[in-house]
Amino acid sequence: MDAPAPARPIDLAYVRDLYREHADDLAAVGKAQREFAESGRGAMTPQLDDLEAEITYLLLRATRPAAVVEIGTFHGWSTSWILSALRDTGSGHLFSFDIVDNALRNVPRDLAEGRWTFVRGDVRQNLDQVPADTGYLFVDAAHSARFARWYLAELFPRVPEGVPTSVHDVFHYRFPLPFHEGKVVLGWLAERGTPYFTPARARARAVYDELTALREELGLAPVRGPGDNPMIFFRKP
């Protein structure tokens, strides 16, 4: 039996290819997300900007994980993007952790049914519920350096090597703020020689501009509109 092909690096070339491959599905999901945001106006504040939300969706479509772990749901915007990818892939289950349960009231039932487990409470007290076969890790919770040091030491070792991972709110500015989660995570990645990808307008303006132009070329309408897109993506070392 031939060995499986090595996973592609998460970089601009890979992301461009995924946009072209899944453009029609992205258009449909974007339309549904706009309607979701409109229906939840006053009760939900979308947290992900368009590029970072779409890249999350695309990586999930490409990797087809059996289990996805989401740390931080808030109102359920990222949750609905993740669940849309699992629906369109036809497999996978999302395990979400948060101390508030707003997402339970907001996420459409047809997306959640049969593919979502919500764990209410601090993930630091619920590590035993993180699945051993996690195939994608999404982190958007407390943005303190202290919490980052905790999950790098306690959560990340439970996640298999090479798993696509995303951390939100790293690059609202060109450099992460002192005493912020992003500074800790970037230092941890640098120590391991692990590259990351970001579409952040403040950090990687050329990437942001190229992907924005690609969206326009593919006819993808804005979902939320231009934003900071501060998320970073990498394969867990």
C-alpha atoms as a PDB file:
ATOM      1  CA  MET A   1       0.000   0.000   0.000  1.00  0.00           C
ATOM      2  CA  ASP A   2       1.334   3.454  -0.919  1.00  0.00           C
ATOM      3  CA  ALA A   3       2.057   5.850   1.932  1.00  0.00           C
ATOM      4  CA  PRO A   4      -0.427   8.737   2.225  1.00  0.00           C
ATOM      5  CA  ALA A   5       0.648  11.986   0.622  1.00  0.00           C
ATOM      6  CA  PRO A   6       2.123  14.461   3.104  1.00  0.00           C
ATOM      7  CA  ALA A   7      -0.208  17.221   4.249  1.00  0.00           C
ATOM      8  CA  ARG A   8       0.213  20.450   2.351  1.00  0.00           C
ATOM      9  CA  PRO A   9       1.572  23.440   4.250  1.00  0.00           C
ATOM     10  CA  ILE A  10      -1.068  25.966   5.201  1.00  0.00           C
ATOM     11  CA  ASP A  11       0.055  28.845   3.018  1.00  0.00           C
ATOM     12  CA  LEU A  12      -1.281  31.256   0.416  1.00  0.00           C
ATOM     13  CA  ALA A  13      -0.973  28.808  -2.482  1.00  0.00           C
ATOM     14  CA  TYR A  14      -2.969  26.159  -0.616  1.00  0.00           C
ATOM     15  CA  VAL A  15      -5.642  28.631   0.459  1.00  0.00           C
ATOM     16  CA  ARG A  16      -5.989  29.971  -3.089  1.00  0.00           C
ATOM     17  CA  ASP A  17      -6.478  26.445  -4.419  1.00  0.00           C
ATOM     18  CA  LEU A  18      -9.140  25.728  -1.804  1.00  0.00           C
ATOM     19  CA  TYR A  19     -11.029  28.919  -2.634  1.00  0.00           C
ATOM     20  CA  ARG A  20     -11.204  27.896  -6.279  1.00  0.00           C
ATOM     21  CA  GLU A  21     -12.169  24.314  -5.493  1.00  0.00           C
ATOM     22  CA  HIS A  22     -15.022  25.201  -3.136  1.00  0.00           C
ATOM     23  CA  ALA A  23     -16.169  28.579  -4.493  1.00  0.00           C
ATOM     24  CA  ASP A  24     -19.757  27.481  -5.170  1.00  0.00           C
ATOM     25  CA  ASP A  25     -20.193  25.991  -1.703  1.00  0.00           C
ATOM     26  CA  LEU A  26     -18.626  29.083  -0.117  1.00  0.00           C
ATOM     27  CA  ALA A  27     -21.139  31.278  -1.914  1.00  0.00           C
ATOM     28  CA  ALA A  28     -24.018  29.210  -0.547  1.00  0.00           C
ATOM     29  CA  VAL A  29     -22.637  29.196   2.989  1.00  0.00           C
ATOM     30  CA  GLY A  30     -21.942  32.925   2.842  1.00  0.00           C
ATOM     31  CA  LYS A  31     -25.552  33.583   1.875  1.00  0.00           C
ATOM     32  CA  ALA A  32     -26.773  31.408   4.769  1.00  0.00           C
ATOM     33  CA  GLN A  33     -24.425  33.167   7.186  1.00  0.00           C
ATOM     34  CA  ARG A  34     -25.663  36.597   6.121  1.00  0.00           C
ATOM     35  CA  GLU A  35     -29.217  35.431   6.791  1.00  0.00           C
ATOM     36  CA  PHE A  36     -28.103  33.942  10.121  1.00  0.00           C
ATOM     37  CA  ALA A  37     -26.516  37.248  11.156  1.00  0.00           C
ATOM     38  CA  GLU A  38     -29.595  39.194  10.117  1.00  0.00           C
ATOM     39  CA  SER A  39     -31.954  36.879  12.005  1.00  0.00           C
ATOM     40  CA  GLY A  40     -29.832  37.179  15.134  1.00  0.00           C
ATOM     41  CA  ARG A  41     -29.407  40.930  15.057  1.00  0.00           C
ATOM     42  CA  GLY A  42     -29.454  42.229  18.627  1.00  0.00           C
ATOM     43  CA  ALA A  43     -28.795  38.772  20.067  1.00  0.00           C
ATOM     44  CA  MET A  44     -25.592  37.860  18.242  1.00  0.00           C
ATOM     45  CA  THR A  45     -22.356  39.633  17.396  1.00  0.00           C
ATOM     46  CA  PRO A  46     -20.393  37.832  14.645  1.00  0.00           C
ATOM     47  CA  GLN A  47     -16.783  37.403  15.737  1.00  0.00           C
ATOM     48  CA  LEU A  48     -14.953  36.131  12.657  1.00  0.00           C
ATOM     49  CA  ASP A  49     -14.266  38.323   9.651  1.00  0.00           C
ATOM     50  CA  ASP A  50     -14.891  36.983   6.154  1.00  0.00           C
ATOM     51  CA  LEU A  51     -11.447  35.700   5.155  1.00  0.00           C
ATOM     52  CA  GLU A  52     -10.683  33.935   8.425  1.00  0.00           C
ATOM     53  CA  ALA A  53     -14.164  32.395   8.587  1.00  0.00           C
ATOM     54  CA  GLU A  54     -13.929  31.152   5.004  1.00  0.00           C
ATOM     55  CA  ILE A  55     -10.413  29.784   5.451  1.00  0.00           C
ATOM     56  CA  THR A  56     -11.618  27.867   8.513  1.00  0.00           C
ATOM     57  CA  TYR A  57     -14.433  26.409   6.407  1.00  0.00           C
ATOM     58  CA  LEU A  58     -12.040  25.544   3.578  1.00  0.00           C
ATOM     59  CA  LEU A  59      -9.490  23.793   5.787  1.00  0.00           C
ATOM     60  CA  LEU A  60     -12.265  21.728   7.326  1.00  0.00           C
ATOM     61  CA  ARG A  61     -13.524  20.747   3.884  1.00  0.00           C
ATOM     62  CA  ALA A  62     -10.008  19.778   2.830  1.00  0.00           C
ATOM     63  CA  THR A  63      -9.014  17.795   5.928  1.00  0.00           C
ATOM     64  CA  ARG A  64     -12.384  16.118   6.682  1.00  0.00           C
ATOM     65  CA  PRO A  65     -11.689  15.703  10.437  1.00  0.00           C
ATOM     66  CA  ALA A  66     -13.625  13.137  12.447  1.00  0.00           C
ATOM     67  CA  ALA A  67     -13.614  15.462  15.456  1.00  0.00           C
ATOM     68  CA  VAL A  68     -13.278  19.244  15.693  1.00  0.00           C
ATOM     69  CA  VAL A  69     -12.634  21.051  18.981  1.00  0.00           C
ATOM     70  CA  GLU A  70     -13.766  24.660  19.361  1.00  0.00           C
ATOM     71  CA  ILE A  71     -12.621  26.587  22.440  1.00  0.00           C
ATOM     72  CA  GLY A  72     -14.922  29.592  22.744  1.00  0.00           C
ATOM     73  CA  THR A  73     -18.282  29.919  20.984  1.00  0.00           C
ATOM     74  CA  PHE A  74     -19.686  33.222  22.309  1.00  0.00           C
ATOM     75  CA  HIS A  75     -22.816  33.741  20.164  1.00  0.00           C
ATOM     76  CA  GLY A  76     -22.229  30.847  17.787  1.00  0.00           C
ATOM     77  CA  TRP A  77     -20.927  32.576  14.666  1.00  0.00           C
ATOM     78  CA  SER A  78     -17.768  30.477  14.348  1.00  0.00           C
ATOM     79  CA  THR A  79     -19.748  27.429  15.458  1.00  0.00           C
ATOM     80  CA  SER A  80     -22.141  27.805  12.541  1.00  0.00           C
ATOM     81  CA  TRP A  81     -19.263  28.148  10.044  1.00  0.00           C
ATOM     82  CA  ILE A  82     -17.644  24.982  11.397  1.00  0.00           C
ATOM     83  CA  LEU A  83     -20.904  23.042  11.384  1.00  0.00           C
ATOM     84  CA  SER A  84     -21.601  24.173   7.813  1.00  0.00           C
ATOM     85  CA  ALA A  85     -18.279  22.679   6.748  1.00  0.00           C
ATOM     86  CA  LEU A  86     -19.039  19.382   8.497  1.00  0.00           C
ATOM     87  CA  ARG A  87     -22.466  19.272   6.864  1.00  0.00           C
ATOM     88  CA  ASP A  88     -21.009  19.916   3.423  1.00  0.00           C
ATOM     89  CA  THR A  89     -18.273  17.343   3.975  1.00  0.00           C
ATOM     90  CA  GLY A  90     -20.850  14.794   5.108  1.00  0.00           C
ATOM     91  CA  SER A  91     -18.944  13.695   8.204  1.00  0.00           C
ATOM     92  CA  GLY A  92     -17.358  14.882  11.430  1.00  0.00           C
ATOM     93  CA  HIS A  93     -18.509  16.047  14.856  1.00  0.00           C
ATOM     94  CA  LEU A  94     -17.884  19.355  16.631  1.00  0.00           C
ATOM     95  CA  PHE A  95     -17.117  19.554  20.364  1.00  0.00           C
ATOM     96  CA  SER A  96     -17.480  23.134  21.624  1.00  0.00           C
ATOM     97  CA  PHE A  97     -16.402  24.427  25.026  1.00  0.00           C
ATOM     98  CA  ASP A  98     -17.514  27.703  26.613  1.00  0.00           C
ATOM     99  CA  ILE A  99     -18.567  29.082  29.970  1.00  0.00           C
ATOM    100  CA  VAL A 100     -21.622  30.756  28.379  1.00  0.00           C
ATOM    101  CA  ASP A 101     -24.261  28.975  26.327  1.00  0.00           C
ATOM    102  CA  ASN A 102     -25.491  31.720  23.970  1.00  0.00           C
ATOM    103  CA  ALA A 103     -24.595  29.489  21.034  1.00  0.00           C
ATOM    104  CA  LEU A 104     -27.179  26.913  22.088  1.00  0.00           C
ATOM    105  CA  ARG A 105     -29.921  29.454  21.470  1.00  0.00           C
ATOM    106  CA  ASN A 106     -28.488  30.832  18.236  1.00  0.00           C
ATOM    107  CA  VAL A 107     -27.047  28.007  16.140  1.00  0.00           C
ATOM    108  CA  PRO A 108     -29.635  26.705  13.652  1.00  0.00           C
ATOM    109  CA  ARG A 109     -31.021  23.351  14.732  1.00  0.00           C
ATOM    110  CA  ASP A 110     -30.574  21.780  11.314  1.00  0.00           C
ATOM    111  CA  LEU A 111     -26.831  22.502  11.505  1.00  0.00           C
ATOM    112  CA  ALA A 112     -26.443  21.246  15.065  1.00  0.00           C
ATOM    113  CA  GLU A 113     -28.534  18.086  14.903  1.00  0.00           C
ATOM    114  CA  GLY A 114     -26.359  14.980  15.068  1.00  0.00           C
ATOM    115  CA  ARG A 115     -23.033  16.775  14.619  1.00  0.00           C
ATOM    116  CA  TRP A 116     -22.552  19.042  17.663  1.00  0.00           C
ATOM    117  CA  THR A 117     -21.761  18.517  21.351  1.00  0.00           C
ATOM    118  CA  PHE A 118     -21.675  21.635  23.528  1.00  0.00           C
ATOM    119  CA  VAL A 119     -19.772  21.392  26.815  1.00  0.00           C
ATOM    120  CA  ARG A 120     -20.664  24.221  29.158  1.00  0.00           C
ATOM    121  CA  GLY A 121     -17.923  25.212  31.577  1.00  0.00           C
ATOM    122  CA  ASP A 122     -14.268  26.122  31.706  1.00  0.00           C
ATOM    123  CA  VAL A 123     -12.308  23.874  29.350  1.00  0.00           C
ATOM    124  CA  ARG A 124      -9.593  23.727  32.013  1.00  0.00           C
ATOM    125  CA  GLN A 125     -11.984  21.623  34.093  1.00  0.00           C
ATOM    126  CA  ASN A 126     -13.196  19.563  31.116  1.00  0.00           C
ATOM    127  CA  LEU A 127     -10.037  18.340  29.434  1.00  0.00           C
ATOM    128  CA  ASP A 128     -11.236  14.753  29.706  1.00  0.00           C
ATOM    129  CA  GLN A 129     -13.962  15.615  27.167  1.00  0.00           C
ATOM    130  CA  VAL A 130     -11.492  16.648  24.465  1.00  0.00           C
ATOM    131  CA  PRO A 131     -11.568  13.765  21.943  1.00  0.00           C
ATOM    132  CA  ALA A 132      -8.341  11.875  21.355  1.00  0.00           C
ATOM    133  CA  ASP A 133      -8.939  11.920  17.590  1.00  0.00           C
ATOM    134  CA  THR A 134      -9.206  15.705  17.304  1.00  0.00           C
ATOM    135  CA  GLY A 135      -8.560  16.591  13.678  1.00  0.00           C
ATOM    136  CA  TYR A 136      -8.968  20.364  13.856  1.00  0.00           C
ATOM    137  CA  LEU A 137      -8.454  22.740  16.783  1.00  0.00           C
ATOM    138  CA  PHE A 138     -10.077  26.182  16.880  1.00  0.00           C
ATOM    139  CA  VAL A 139      -9.183  28.560  19.743  1.00  0.00           C
ATOM    140  CA  ASP A 140     -11.080  31.807  20.361  1.00  0.00           C
ATOM    141  CA  ALA A 141     -11.587  32.225  24.095  1.00  0.00           C
ATOM    142  CA  ALA A 142      -9.750  34.222  26.767  1.00  0.00           C
ATOM    143  CA  HIS A 143      -6.959  36.156  25.080  1.00  0.00           C
ATOM    144  CA  SER A 144      -4.618  36.467  28.022  1.00  0.00           C
ATOM    145  CA  ALA A 145      -1.023  35.264  28.080  1.00  0.00           C
ATOM    146  CA  ARG A 146      -1.904  33.145  31.106  1.00  0.00           C
ATOM    147  CA  PHE A 147      -4.615  31.222  29.271  1.00  0.00           C
ATOM    148  CA  ALA A 148      -2.346  30.741  26.266  1.00  0.00           C
ATOM    149  CA  ARG A 149       0.387  29.270  28.455  1.00  0.00           C
ATOM    150  CA  TRP A 150      -2.192  26.906  29.940  1.00  0.00           C
ATOM    151  CA  TYR A 151      -3.545  25.564  26.657  1.00  0.00           C
ATOM    152  CA  LEU A 152      -0.119  25.233  25.087  1.00  0.00           C
ATOM    153  CA  ALA A 153       0.989  23.135  28.063  1.00  0.00           C
ATOM    154  CA  GLU A 154      -2.188  21.169  28.775  1.00  0.00           C
ATOM    155  CA  LEU A 155      -4.485  21.121  25.727  1.00  0.00           C
ATOM    156  CA  PHE A 156      -2.066  21.035  22.807  1.00  0.00           C
ATOM    157  CA  PRO A 157      -0.335  17.810  23.923  1.00  0.00           C
ATOM    158  CA  ARG A 158      -3.728  16.079  23.604  1.00  0.00           C
ATOM    159  CA  VAL A 159      -3.982  17.063  19.932  1.00  0.00           C
ATOM    160  CA  PRO A 160      -2.173  14.925  17.327  1.00  0.00           C
ATOM    161  CA  GLU A 161       0.814  16.348  15.494  1.00  0.00           C
ATOM    162  CA  GLY A 162       0.044  17.994  12.166  1.00  0.00           C
ATOM    163  CA  VAL A 163      -3.565  18.861  13.021  1.00  0.00           C
ATOM    164  CA  PRO A 164      -4.686  22.184  11.498  1.00  0.00           C
ATOM    165  CA  THR A 165      -5.047  24.731  14.290  1.00  0.00           C
ATOM    166  CA  SER A 166      -6.321  28.287  14.366  1.00  0.00           C
ATOM    167  CA  VAL A 167      -6.003  30.974  17.038  1.00  0.00           C
ATOM    168  CA  HIS A 168      -8.075  34.136  16.793  1.00  0.00           C
ATOM    169  CA  ASP A 169      -7.322  37.780  17.643  1.00  0.00           C
ATOM    170  CA  VAL A 170      -3.554  37.610  17.197  1.00  0.00           C
ATOM    171  CA  PHE A 171      -2.986  40.379  14.638  1.00  0.00           C
ATOM    172  CA  HIS A 172      -5.376  43.285  15.115  1.00  0.00           C
ATOM    173  CA  TYR A 173      -2.140  45.268  14.841  1.00  0.00           C
ATOM    174  CA  ARG A 174       1.097  44.519  13.029  1.00  0.00           C
ATOM    175  CA  PHE A 175       2.473  42.960  16.204  1.00  0.00           C
ATOM    176  CA  PRO A 176       0.563  41.315  19.073  1.00  0.00           C
ATOM    177  CA  LEU A 177       0.089  43.348  22.208  1.00  0.00           C
ATOM    178  CA  PRO A 178       2.304  42.720  25.264  1.00  0.00           C
ATOM    179  CA  PHE A 179       0.864  40.272  27.798  1.00  0.00           C
ATOM    180  CA  HIS A 180      -1.481  38.961  25.099  1.00  0.00           C
ATOM    181  CA  GLU A 181      -2.222  35.398  24.029  1.00  0.00           C
ATOM    182  CA  GLY A 182      -0.862  36.063  20.559  1.00  0.00           C
ATOM    183  CA  LYS A 183       2.608  36.966  21.762  1.00  0.00           C
ATOM    184  CA  VAL A 184       2.831  33.722  23.733  1.00  0.00           C
ATOM    185  CA  VAL A 185       1.585  31.552  20.861  1.00  0.00           C
ATOM    186  CA  LEU A 186       3.887  33.168  18.295  1.00  0.00           C
ATOM    187  CA  GLY A 187       6.854  32.659  20.625  1.00  0.00           C
ATOM    188  CA  TRP A 188       5.896  29.010  21.127  1.00  0.00           C
ATOM    189  CA  LEU A 189       5.676  28.457  17.365  1.00  0.00           C
ATOM    190  CA  ALA A 190       9.004  30.213  16.750  1.00  0.00           C
ATOM    191  CA  GLU A 191      10.751  27.999  19.312  1.00  0.00           C
ATOM    192  CA  ARG A 192       9.578  24.958  17.327  1.00  0.00           C
ATOM    193  CA  GLY A 193      10.315  26.380  13.902  1.00  0.00           C
ATOM    194  CA  THR A 194       6.628  26.102  12.988  1.00  0.00           C
ATOM    195  CA  PRO A 195       5.345  28.516  10.324  1.00  0.00           C
ATOM    196  CA  TYR A 196       1.917  30.110  10.492  1.00  0.00           C
ATOM    197  CA  PHE A 197      -0.386  31.672   7.912  1.00  0.00           C
ATOM    198  CA  THR A 198      -2.509  34.769   8.441  1.00  0.00           C
ATOM    199  CA  PRO A 199      -4.778  36.883   6.230  1.00  0.00           C
ATOM    200  CA  ALA A 200      -4.579  39.731   8.765  1.00  0.00           C
ATOM    201  CA  ARG A 201      -4.781  43.136   7.129  1.00  0.00           C
ATOM    202  CA  ALA A 202      -2.409  44.671   9.691  1.00  0.00           C
ATOM    203  CA  ARG A 203       0.235  41.944   9.482  1.00  0.00           C
ATOM    204  CA  ALA A 204       0.005  40.561   5.945  1.00  0.00           C
ATOM    205  CA  ARG A 205      -1.555  43.247   3.774  1.00  0.00           C
ATOM    206  CA  ALA A 206      -0.406  41.665   0.496  1.00  0.00           C
ATOM    207  CA  VAL A 207      -2.079  38.352   1.449  1.00  0.00           C
ATOM    208  CA  TYR A 208      -5.222  40.177   2.553  1.00  0.00           C
ATOM    209  CA  ASP A 209      -5.356  42.118  -0.734  1.00  0.00           C
ATOM    210  CA  GLU A 210      -4.741  39.050  -2.892  1.00  0.00           C
ATOM    211  CA  LEU A 211      -7.441  36.984  -1.189  1.00  0.00           C
ATOM    212  CA  THR A 212      -9.872  39.892  -1.275  1.00  0.00           C
ATOM    213  CA  ALA A 213      -9.284  40.196  -5.022  1.00  0.00           C
ATOM    214  CA  LEU A 214      -9.717  36.434  -5.434  1.00  0.00           C
ATOM    215  CA  ARG A 215     -13.060  36.568  -3.618  1.00  0.00           C
ATOM    216  CA  GLU A 216     -14.197  39.269  -6.018  1.00  0.00           C
ATOM    217  CA  GLU A 217     -12.987  37.264  -9.017  1.00  0.00           C
ATOM    218  CA  LEU A 218     -14.938  34.233  -7.791  1.00  0.00           C
ATOM    219  CA  GLY A 219     -18.071  36.309  -7.256  1.00  0.00           C
ATOM    220  CA  LEU A 220     -18.178  35.822  -3.487  1.00  0.00           C
ATOM    221  CA  ALA A 221     -20.342  38.509  -1.918  1.00  0.00           C
ATOM    222  CA  PRO A 222     -19.257  40.036   1.399  1.00  0.00           C
ATOM    223  CA  VAL A 223     -20.641  38.286   4.467  1.00  0.00           C
ATOM    224  CA  ARG A 224     -19.650  40.810   7.124  1.00  0.00           C
ATOM    225  CA  GLY A 225     -17.506  42.987   4.899  1.00  0.00           C
ATOM    226  CA  PRO A 226     -13.848  44.047   5.270  1.00  0.00           C
ATOM    227  CA  GLY A 227     -12.317  43.339   8.647  1.00  0.00           C
ATOM    228  CA  ASP A 228      -9.063  42.825  10.497  1.00  0.00           C
ATOM    229  CA  ASN A 229      -8.981  39.029   9.952  1.00  0.00           C
ATOM    230  CA  PRO A 230      -6.504  38.632  12.839  1.00  0.00           C
ATOM    231  CA  MET A 231      -6.504  34.825  12.974  1.00  0.00           C
ATOM    232  CA  ILE A 232      -3.424  32.651  12.491  1.00  0.00           C
ATOM    233  CA  PHE A 233      -3.446  29.116  11.055  1.00  0.00           C
ATOM    234  CA  PHE A 234      -0.772  26.437  11.459  1.00  0.00           C
ATOM    235  CA  ARG A 235      -0.254  22.708  11.754  1.00  0.00           C
ATOM    236  CA  LYS A 236       0.251  21.691  15.362  1.00  0.00           C
ATOM    237  CA  PRO A 237       3.901  20.754  15.879  1.00  0.00           C
END
